[in-house]
């Protein structure tokens, strides 16, 4: 039951955020009544407190971005890693060509 109530409040909060309406306990409760969903009376208040001062749209669109400065700090690291990747691939190609293939050893798949 708690999972259902939690999910219903999440959806109600998302609906309010999508319509650019402030997320309040009363508005969550109104949406839940309109959807014919019964939850304990403390759930809407919990979600209101949890989302207080949070921009829900930013929270959704920046999933996985981490803290506020992480995208800016992550970009140079990703660029450096991308620059090192071709060098690593070239080294692997050199090693493979030096070792030779299985045909040189006289072993075959069906021997």
C-alpha atoms as a PDB file:
ATOM      1  CA  UNK A   1       0.000   0.000   0.000  1.00  0.00           C
ATOM      2  CA  UNK A   2       2.801   2.436   0.815  1.00  0.00           C
ATOM      3  CA  UNK A   3       4.390   1.893  -2.571  1.00  0.00           C
ATOM      4  CA  UNK A   4       1.098   2.717  -4.279  1.00  0.00           C
ATOM      5  CA  UNK A   5       0.650   5.863  -2.170  1.00  0.00           C
ATOM      6  CA  UNK A   6       4.205   6.989  -2.816  1.00  0.00           C
ATOM      7  CA  UNK A   7       3.893   6.454  -6.559  1.00  0.00           C
ATOM      8  CA  UNK A   8       0.557   8.279  -6.664  1.00  0.00           C
ATOM      9  CA  UNK A   9       2.085  11.286  -4.886  1.00  0.00           C
ATOM     10  CA  UNK A  10       5.061  11.273  -7.235  1.00  0.00           C
ATOM     11  CA  UNK A  11       2.766  11.333 -10.257  1.00  0.00           C
ATOM     12  CA  UNK A  12       0.636  14.082  -8.726  1.00  0.00           C
ATOM     13  CA  UNK A  13       3.750  16.184  -8.038  1.00  0.00           C
ATOM     14  CA  UNK A  14       4.936  15.636 -11.605  1.00  0.00           C
ATOM     15  CA  UNK A  15       1.574  16.724 -12.975  1.00  0.00           C
ATOM     16  CA  UNK A  16       1.698  19.896 -10.902  1.00  0.00           C
ATOM     17  CA  UNK A  17       5.290  20.630 -11.939  1.00  0.00           C
ATOM     18  CA  UNK A  18       4.455  20.052 -15.599  1.00  0.00           C
ATOM     19  CA  UNK A  19       1.634  22.582 -15.400  1.00  0.00           C
ATOM     20  CA  UNK A  20       3.935  25.091 -13.638  1.00  0.00           C
ATOM     21  CA  UNK A  21       1.785  24.976 -10.518  1.00  0.00           C
ATOM     22  CA  UNK A  22       3.332  25.142  -7.058  1.00  0.00           C
ATOM     23  CA  UNK A  23       3.499  21.715  -5.432  1.00  0.00           C
ATOM     24  CA  UNK A  24       1.494  21.872  -2.221  1.00  0.00           C
ATOM     25  CA  UNK A  25      -0.119  19.227  -0.078  1.00  0.00           C
ATOM     26  CA  UNK A  26      -3.606  20.470  -0.879  1.00  0.00           C
ATOM     27  CA  UNK A  27      -2.995  20.373  -4.625  1.00  0.00           C
ATOM     28  CA  UNK A  28      -1.513  16.892  -4.457  1.00  0.00           C
ATOM     29  CA  UNK A  29      -4.542  15.766  -2.444  1.00  0.00           C
ATOM     30  CA  UNK A  30      -6.881  17.351  -5.012  1.00  0.00           C
ATOM     31  CA  UNK A  31      -5.230  15.455  -7.863  1.00  0.00           C
ATOM     32  CA  UNK A  32      -5.339  12.211  -5.890  1.00  0.00           C
ATOM     33  CA  UNK A  33      -9.064  12.672  -5.171  1.00  0.00           C
ATOM     34  CA  UNK A  34      -9.707  13.374  -8.862  1.00  0.00           C
ATOM     35  CA  UNK A  35      -7.832  10.189  -9.749  1.00  0.00           C
ATOM     36  CA  UNK A  36      -9.838   8.298  -7.116  1.00  0.00           C
ATOM     37  CA  UNK A  37      -6.694   7.257  -5.210  1.00  0.00           C
ATOM     38  CA  UNK A  38      -6.837   6.935  -1.437  1.00  0.00           C
ATOM     39  CA  UNK A  39      -3.618   7.583   0.494  1.00  0.00           C
ATOM     40  CA  UNK A  40      -2.830   8.269   4.113  1.00  0.00           C
ATOM     41  CA  UNK A  41      -3.231  11.976   4.878  1.00  0.00           C
ATOM     42  CA  UNK A  42       0.464  12.460   5.682  1.00  0.00           C
ATOM     43  CA  UNK A  43       1.755  11.514   2.197  1.00  0.00           C
ATOM     44  CA  UNK A  44       0.963  14.795   0.398  1.00  0.00           C
ATOM     45  CA  UNK A  45       2.597  16.762   3.208  1.00  0.00           C
ATOM     46  CA  UNK A  46       5.694  14.565   3.034  1.00  0.00           C
ATOM     47  CA  UNK A  47       6.092  15.210  -0.653  1.00  0.00           C
ATOM     48  CA  UNK A  48       5.501  18.910  -0.214  1.00  0.00           C
ATOM     49  CA  UNK A  49       8.290  19.072   2.376  1.00  0.00           C
ATOM     50  CA  UNK A  50      10.611  16.935   0.244  1.00  0.00           C
ATOM     51  CA  UNK A  51      10.137  19.095  -2.845  1.00  0.00           C
ATOM     52  CA  UNK A  52      10.301  22.403  -0.995  1.00  0.00           C
ATOM     53  CA  UNK A  53      12.784  24.673  -2.784  1.00  0.00           C
ATOM     54  CA  UNK A  54      13.424  22.122  -5.561  1.00  0.00           C
ATOM     55  CA  UNK A  55      12.778  22.830  -9.225  1.00  0.00           C
ATOM     56  CA  UNK A  56      11.189  19.533 -10.259  1.00  0.00           C
ATOM     57  CA  UNK A  57      11.644  20.152 -14.001  1.00  0.00           C
ATOM     58  CA  UNK A  58      15.379  20.703 -13.546  1.00  0.00           C
ATOM     59  CA  UNK A  59      15.547  17.619 -11.367  1.00  0.00           C
ATOM     60  CA  UNK A  60      13.990  15.512 -14.121  1.00  0.00           C
ATOM     61  CA  UNK A  61      15.945  16.928 -17.039  1.00  0.00           C
ATOM     62  CA  UNK A  62      19.307  16.677 -15.318  1.00  0.00           C
ATOM     63  CA  UNK A  63      19.121  13.108 -14.098  1.00  0.00           C
ATOM     64  CA  UNK A  64      22.571  11.658 -13.650  1.00  0.00           C
ATOM     65  CA  UNK A  65      24.266  15.039 -13.781  1.00  0.00           C
ATOM     66  CA  UNK A  66      25.076  14.942 -10.078  1.00  0.00           C
ATOM     67  CA  UNK A  67      25.747  18.164  -8.201  1.00  0.00           C
ATOM     68  CA  UNK A  68      25.277  21.585  -9.767  1.00  0.00           C
ATOM     69  CA  UNK A  69      28.883  22.023 -10.942  1.00  0.00           C
ATOM     70  CA  UNK A  70      29.385  18.446 -12.101  1.00  0.00           C
ATOM     71  CA  UNK A  71      28.469  18.942 -15.786  1.00  0.00           C
ATOM     72  CA  UNK A  72      30.926  21.813 -16.140  1.00  0.00           C
ATOM     73  CA  UNK A  73      33.679  19.907 -14.367  1.00  0.00           C
ATOM     74  CA  UNK A  74      32.904  16.666 -16.191  1.00  0.00           C
ATOM     75  CA  UNK A  75      33.324  18.081 -19.692  1.00  0.00           C
ATOM     76  CA  UNK A  76      37.124  18.580 -19.574  1.00  0.00           C
ATOM     77  CA  UNK A  77      37.573  15.138 -18.042  1.00  0.00           C
ATOM     78  CA  UNK A  78      35.521  13.553 -20.834  1.00  0.00           C
ATOM     79  CA  UNK A  79      37.515  15.454 -23.456  1.00  0.00           C
ATOM     80  CA  UNK A  80      40.805  14.291 -21.936  1.00  0.00           C
ATOM     81  CA  UNK A  81      39.590  10.698 -21.842  1.00  0.00           C
ATOM     82  CA  UNK A  82      38.485  10.926 -25.474  1.00  0.00           C
ATOM     83  CA  UNK A  83      41.927  12.228 -26.458  1.00  0.00           C
ATOM     84  CA  UNK A  84      43.639   9.306 -24.718  1.00  0.00           C
ATOM     85  CA  UNK A  85      41.340   6.663 -26.225  1.00  0.00           C
ATOM     86  CA  UNK A  86      42.823   6.723 -29.777  1.00  0.00           C
ATOM     87  CA  UNK A  87      46.339   6.347 -28.362  1.00  0.00           C
ATOM     88  CA  UNK A  88      45.277   3.274 -26.414  1.00  0.00           C
ATOM     89  CA  UNK A  89      43.657   1.738 -29.519  1.00  0.00           C
ATOM     90  CA  UNK A  90      46.834   2.262 -31.557  1.00  0.00           C
ATOM     91  CA  UNK A  91      48.893   0.484 -28.887  1.00  0.00           C
ATOM     92  CA  UNK A  92      46.504  -2.484 -28.923  1.00  0.00           C
ATOM     93  CA  UNK A  93      46.770  -2.738 -32.721  1.00  0.00           C
ATOM     94  CA  UNK A  94      50.562  -2.781 -32.516  1.00  0.00           C
ATOM     95  CA  UNK A  95      50.523  -5.535 -29.900  1.00  0.00           C
ATOM     96  CA  UNK A  96      48.151  -7.665 -31.966  1.00  0.00           C
ATOM     97  CA  UNK A  97      50.229  -7.365 -35.110  1.00  0.00           C
ATOM     98  CA  UNK A  98      53.412  -8.325 -33.216  1.00  0.00           C
ATOM     99  CA  UNK A  99      51.905 -11.462 -31.730  1.00  0.00           C
ATOM    100  CA  UNK A 100      50.696 -12.955 -34.989  1.00  0.00           C
ATOM    101  CA  UNK A 101      47.669 -15.090 -35.555  1.00  0.00           C
ATOM    102  CA  UNK A 102      46.722 -18.642 -34.616  1.00  0.00           C
ATOM    103  CA  UNK A 103      47.383 -19.795 -38.196  1.00  0.00           C
ATOM    104  CA  UNK A 104      51.104 -19.205 -37.704  1.00  0.00           C
ATOM    105  CA  UNK A 105      51.161 -21.687 -34.822  1.00  0.00           C
ATOM    106  CA  UNK A 106      49.768 -24.534 -36.865  1.00  0.00           C
ATOM    107  CA  UNK A 107      46.591 -24.839 -34.855  1.00  0.00           C
ATOM    108  CA  UNK A 108      43.224 -24.707 -36.527  1.00  0.00           C
ATOM    109  CA  UNK A 109      39.702 -24.737 -35.217  1.00  0.00           C
ATOM    110  CA  UNK A 110      38.949 -28.217 -36.534  1.00  0.00           C
ATOM    111  CA  UNK A 111      42.375 -29.900 -36.204  1.00  0.00           C
END
